[in-house]
Amino acid sequence: MGRHSHPALPGMTVLGARLREVRMKSGISQMKLAERLGFDPTHGYKYVLRLEKGLVPNPTLRTIAGFLDACAATWQDIADALPLNVGTAAPRPVAAATRSRPPEAPAPEPAPAGPPPAASPPPKRRDTRPLREQLRALRIKERTDHAQRFWQSVHEAEEKTRAVLRSLRVISSRHPDYLAFLRSSCMAIDSLSSTRPEVVDAELLRQLQAAAKRGLDRKTLERIQSICSDTLRPDMPAR
């Protein structure tokens, strides 16, 4: 029986096209990129091809980070093309009820005074799937939960950044540039969260210097990165 293909999430086609532009600009082939991502280049290039066509339904941030690293690119190169639902699963539609509600039963007799009887918990259904499938389902759930928490944090940081830009009276035409920088910084913090703090700080400094060269105000950029750190790393001491 043939393998079923999953529909691409909204915005994945735009992201895939941008990733292809990044790869073409770097001069690396799909087979070479697949090899750098750890795939067998003979067949792994097919995954790169599907990713660039927007046909990978739920790529992880780690996969995209590896793609950019292999092309010597940064999150800033694709920040404005990222859909908000990267790494999350699309919710399933809930079917409307078609049956009418049954007539209500008469009210029961009041129970006698006293503590209610302890209800026994329903028995747990035994998972009969092979252990490999159980572990895979657990990894997918953990990845999806992490992506949802991440994008909720990014949304919170964006709202704080908009308030800062309004208070500083930054012209509205520059707001998208600062918000793109915000998302790039948040992604760097998240994708490098398992590394040493100095590695994260070095990447943030590199992004800040690059954005400042494009004419963005350095002090405003520093405030935006502080917002990212406070939102995504609230347990970390202030730098």
Protein backbone atom coordinates (compact mmCIF):
# COMPACT_ATOMS: atom_id res chain seq x y z
CA MET A 1 0.00 0.00 0.00
CA GLY A 2 1.41 3.42 -0.96
CA ARG A 3 2.64 5.92 1.58
CA HIS A 4 0.21 8.76 2.30
CA SER A 5 1.59 12.27 1.85
CA HIS A 6 0.76 14.94 4.40
CA PRO A 7 -0.51 18.31 3.17
CA ALA A 8 1.90 21.19 3.69
CA LEU A 9 0.94 23.72 6.37
CA PRO A 10 0.06 27.27 5.28
CA GLY A 11 3.21 29.26 4.62
CA MET A 12 5.49 26.26 4.14
CA THR A 13 5.71 26.87 0.38
CA VAL A 14 7.06 30.39 1.00
CA LEU A 15 9.54 29.09 3.57
CA GLY A 16 10.65 26.28 1.24
CA ALA A 17 11.26 28.72 -1.60
CA ARG A 18 13.34 30.92 0.70
CA LEU A 19 15.40 27.93 1.86
CA ARG A 20 16.05 27.04 -1.77
CA GLU A 21 17.25 30.60 -2.42
CA VAL A 22 19.61 30.31 0.55
CA ARG A 23 20.99 26.99 -0.70
CA MET A 24 21.42 28.23 -4.29
CA LYS A 25 23.20 31.34 -3.04
CA SER A 26 25.62 29.18 -1.04
CA GLY A 27 26.39 27.06 -4.13
CA ILE A 28 25.76 23.76 -2.35
CA SER A 29 23.88 20.92 -4.05
CA GLN A 30 20.89 19.08 -2.57
CA MET A 31 22.93 15.88 -2.24
CA LYS A 32 25.79 17.67 -0.46
CA LEU A 33 23.33 19.43 1.85
CA ALA A 34 21.64 16.12 2.67
CA GLU A 35 25.05 14.67 3.57
CA ARG A 36 25.80 17.59 5.91
CA LEU A 37 22.41 17.06 7.57
CA GLY A 38 23.39 13.46 8.29
CA PHE A 39 21.35 11.75 5.56
CA ASP A 40 22.53 9.23 3.02
CA PRO A 41 23.13 11.62 0.08
CA THR A 42 21.89 9.01 -2.42
CA HIS A 43 18.36 9.21 -1.04
CA GLY A 44 18.47 12.05 1.50
CA TYR A 45 18.40 14.70 -1.21
CA LYS A 46 14.73 13.78 -1.70
CA TYR A 47 13.98 15.15 1.76
CA VAL A 48 15.78 18.41 0.90
CA LEU A 49 13.79 18.57 -2.34
CA ARG A 50 10.47 18.10 -0.47
CA LEU A 51 11.49 20.67 2.14
CA GLU A 52 12.26 23.28 -0.52
CA LYS A 53 8.90 22.59 -2.19
CA GLY A 54 7.06 23.13 1.10
CA LEU A 55 5.96 19.47 1.25
CA VAL A 56 7.48 18.64 4.65
CA PRO A 57 4.41 19.28 6.82
CA ASN A 58 6.07 19.94 10.16
CA PRO A 59 9.85 20.59 10.02
CA THR A 60 11.53 21.14 13.38
CA LEU A 61 13.50 24.24 14.27
CA ARG A 62 16.56 21.99 14.66
CA THR A 63 16.19 20.77 11.07
CA ILE A 64 15.92 24.33 9.74
CA ALA A 65 18.88 25.38 11.90
CA GLY A 66 20.95 22.54 10.42
CA PHE A 67 19.92 23.57 6.89
CA LEU A 68 21.01 27.18 7.53
CA ASP A 69 24.27 26.12 9.16
CA ALA A 70 25.13 23.89 6.19
CA CYS A 71 24.58 26.87 3.87
CA ALA A 72 26.52 29.29 6.12
CA ALA A 73 23.30 31.30 6.54
CA THR A 74 21.49 32.68 9.60
CA TRP A 75 17.93 32.88 10.90
CA GLN A 76 17.87 36.52 9.79
CA ASP A 77 17.95 35.29 6.16
CA ILE A 78 14.56 33.56 6.54
CA ALA A 79 12.94 35.26 9.56
CA ASP A 80 10.29 37.10 7.53
CA ALA A 81 9.34 33.89 5.66
CA LEU A 82 8.73 31.69 8.71
CA PRO A 83 5.10 30.73 9.37
CA LEU A 84 3.98 30.90 13.00
CA ASN A 85 3.01 27.23 12.97
CA VAL A 86 6.47 25.78 12.17
CA GLY A 87 6.97 22.67 14.24
CA THR A 88 3.33 22.47 15.34
CA ALA A 89 0.57 20.17 14.18
CA ALA A 90 -2.53 21.60 12.53
CA PRO A 91 -5.64 21.14 14.76
CA ARG A 92 -8.25 18.70 13.55
CA PRO A 93 -11.69 20.14 12.77
CA VAL A 94 -14.41 19.15 15.21
CA ALA A 95 -17.55 17.79 13.57
CA ALA A 96 -20.82 19.39 14.62
CA ALA A 97 -23.26 17.18 16.51
CA THR A 98 -26.10 15.93 14.30
CA ARG A 99 -28.26 14.11 16.84
CA SER A 100 -30.74 15.90 19.03
CA ARG A 101 -30.18 15.86 22.78
CA PRO A 102 -32.10 13.04 24.50
CA PRO A 103 -34.78 14.02 27.03
CA GLU A 104 -33.45 14.72 30.47
CA ALA A 105 -33.95 12.07 33.09
CA PRO A 106 -35.86 12.97 36.25
CA ALA A 107 -33.77 14.39 39.07
CA PRO A 108 -32.42 11.69 41.41
CA GLU A 109 -33.38 11.43 45.05
CA PRO A 110 -31.10 13.52 47.32
CA ALA A 111 -28.27 11.45 48.72
CA PRO A 112 -28.10 10.92 52.47
CA ALA A 113 -25.80 13.17 54.45
CA GLY A 114 -22.24 11.98 54.86
CA PRO A 115 -18.99 11.77 52.89
CA PRO A 116 -19.46 10.63 49.29
CA PRO A 117 -18.09 7.19 48.44
CA ALA A 118 -14.61 7.24 46.92
CA ALA A 119 -14.78 6.72 43.18
CA SER A 120 -12.34 4.24 41.78
CA PRO A 121 -10.22 5.62 38.91
CA PRO A 122 -10.98 4.19 35.49
CA PRO A 123 -8.52 1.47 34.48
CA LYS A 124 -5.75 2.60 32.16
CA ARG A 125 -5.84 1.19 28.69
CA ARG A 126 -2.73 -0.79 27.92
CA ASP A 127 -0.79 0.58 24.97
CA THR A 128 -0.41 -2.38 22.66
CA ARG A 129 1.76 -0.58 20.11
CA PRO A 130 5.39 -1.67 19.68
CA LEU A 131 7.84 0.18 21.93
CA ARG A 132 9.43 1.86 18.90
CA GLU A 133 6.09 3.39 17.90
CA GLN A 134 5.38 4.49 21.48
CA LEU A 135 8.74 6.27 21.71
CA ARG A 136 8.23 7.90 18.32
CA ALA A 137 4.77 9.18 19.36
CA LEU A 138 6.26 10.54 22.59
CA ARG A 139 9.02 12.39 20.70
CA ILE A 140 6.48 13.91 18.31
CA LYS A 141 4.33 15.10 21.21
CA GLU A 142 7.31 16.59 23.04
CA ARG A 143 8.44 18.36 19.86
CA THR A 144 4.95 19.71 19.18
CA ASP A 145 4.48 20.90 22.77
CA HIS A 146 7.87 22.62 22.69
CA ALA A 147 7.10 24.38 19.40
CA GLN A 148 3.74 25.60 20.72
CA ARG A 149 5.35 26.99 23.88
CA PHE A 150 8.08 28.63 21.80
CA TRP A 151 5.70 30.45 19.44
CA GLN A 152 3.54 31.57 22.36
CA SER A 153 6.67 33.10 23.90
CA VAL A 154 7.58 34.75 20.58
CA HIS A 155 4.09 36.25 20.35
CA GLU A 156 4.46 37.63 23.89
CA ALA A 157 7.88 39.08 23.03
CA GLU A 158 6.48 40.68 19.85
CA GLU A 159 3.77 42.47 21.84
CA LYS A 160 6.39 43.83 24.26
CA THR A 161 8.60 44.90 21.35
CA ARG A 162 5.75 46.75 19.63
CA ALA A 163 5.13 48.65 22.85
CA VAL A 164 8.83 49.60 23.03
CA LEU A 165 8.89 50.76 19.41
CA ARG A 166 5.82 52.93 20.01
CA SER A 167 7.32 54.43 23.17
CA LEU A 168 10.53 55.25 21.27
CA ARG A 169 8.48 56.69 18.37
CA VAL A 170 10.23 54.49 15.83
CA ILE A 171 8.74 55.11 12.39
CA SER A 172 6.24 52.41 11.45
CA SER A 173 8.06 51.53 8.22
CA ARG A 174 10.98 50.19 10.31
CA HIS A 175 8.82 48.07 12.64
CA PRO A 176 8.96 44.95 10.38
CA ASP A 177 12.78 45.10 10.42
CA TYR A 178 12.89 45.19 14.21
CA LEU A 179 10.28 42.42 14.52
CA ALA A 180 12.24 40.24 12.07
CA PHE A 181 15.33 40.82 14.22
CA LEU A 182 13.30 39.82 17.29
CA ARG A 183 12.24 36.52 15.75
CA SER A 184 15.77 35.80 14.57
CA SER A 185 17.12 36.40 18.10
CA CYS A 186 14.41 34.24 19.69
CA MET A 187 15.18 31.39 17.28
CA ALA A 188 18.88 31.61 18.03
CA ILE A 189 18.20 31.39 21.77
CA ASP A 190 15.88 28.41 21.32
CA SER A 191 17.95 26.44 18.79
CA LEU A 192 21.15 26.91 20.85
CA SER A 193 19.51 26.30 24.23
CA SER A 194 21.46 23.07 24.76
CA THR A 195 24.84 24.77 24.24
CA ARG A 196 26.90 26.87 26.61
CA PRO A 197 25.58 30.39 27.42
CA GLU A 198 28.63 32.02 25.85
CA VAL A 199 27.81 30.34 22.52
CA VAL A 200 24.30 31.84 22.60
CA ASP A 201 25.67 35.27 23.55
CA ALA A 202 28.21 35.16 20.72
CA GLU A 203 25.48 34.41 18.16
CA LEU A 204 23.23 37.18 19.54
CA LEU A 205 26.11 39.65 19.34
CA ARG A 206 26.81 38.65 15.75
CA GLN A 207 23.16 39.19 14.81
CA LEU A 208 23.08 42.54 16.62
CA GLN A 209 26.17 43.81 14.79
CA ALA A 210 24.77 42.70 11.43
CA ALA A 211 21.44 44.46 12.09
CA ALA A 212 23.19 47.63 13.25
CA LYS A 213 25.12 47.72 9.96
CA ARG A 214 21.76 47.76 8.15
CA GLY A 215 20.86 51.02 9.89
CA LEU A 216 18.89 49.77 12.91
CA ASP A 217 19.47 51.53 16.24
CA ARG A 218 21.88 49.53 18.40
CA LYS A 219 20.31 50.45 21.76
CA THR A 220 16.88 49.45 20.48
CA LEU A 221 18.31 46.15 19.23
CA GLU A 222 19.85 45.51 22.67
CA ARG A 223 16.45 46.11 24.33
CA ILE A 224 14.80 43.69 21.90
CA GLN A 225 17.33 40.97 22.66
CA SER A 226 16.78 41.55 26.38
CA ILE A 227 13.06 41.00 25.80
CA CYS A 228 13.86 37.74 24.00
CA SER A 229 16.11 36.54 26.81
CA ASP A 230 13.66 37.51 29.55
CA THR A 231 10.81 35.74 27.73
CA LEU A 232 12.59 32.56 26.64
CA ARG A 233 15.18 32.28 29.41
CA PRO A 234 13.50 33.73 32.55
CA ASP A 235 15.71 31.58 34.81
CA MET A 236 18.94 33.00 33.35
CA PRO A 237 20.64 35.94 35.16
CA ALA A 238 20.56 39.29 33.36
CA ARG A 239 23.58 39.95 31.17
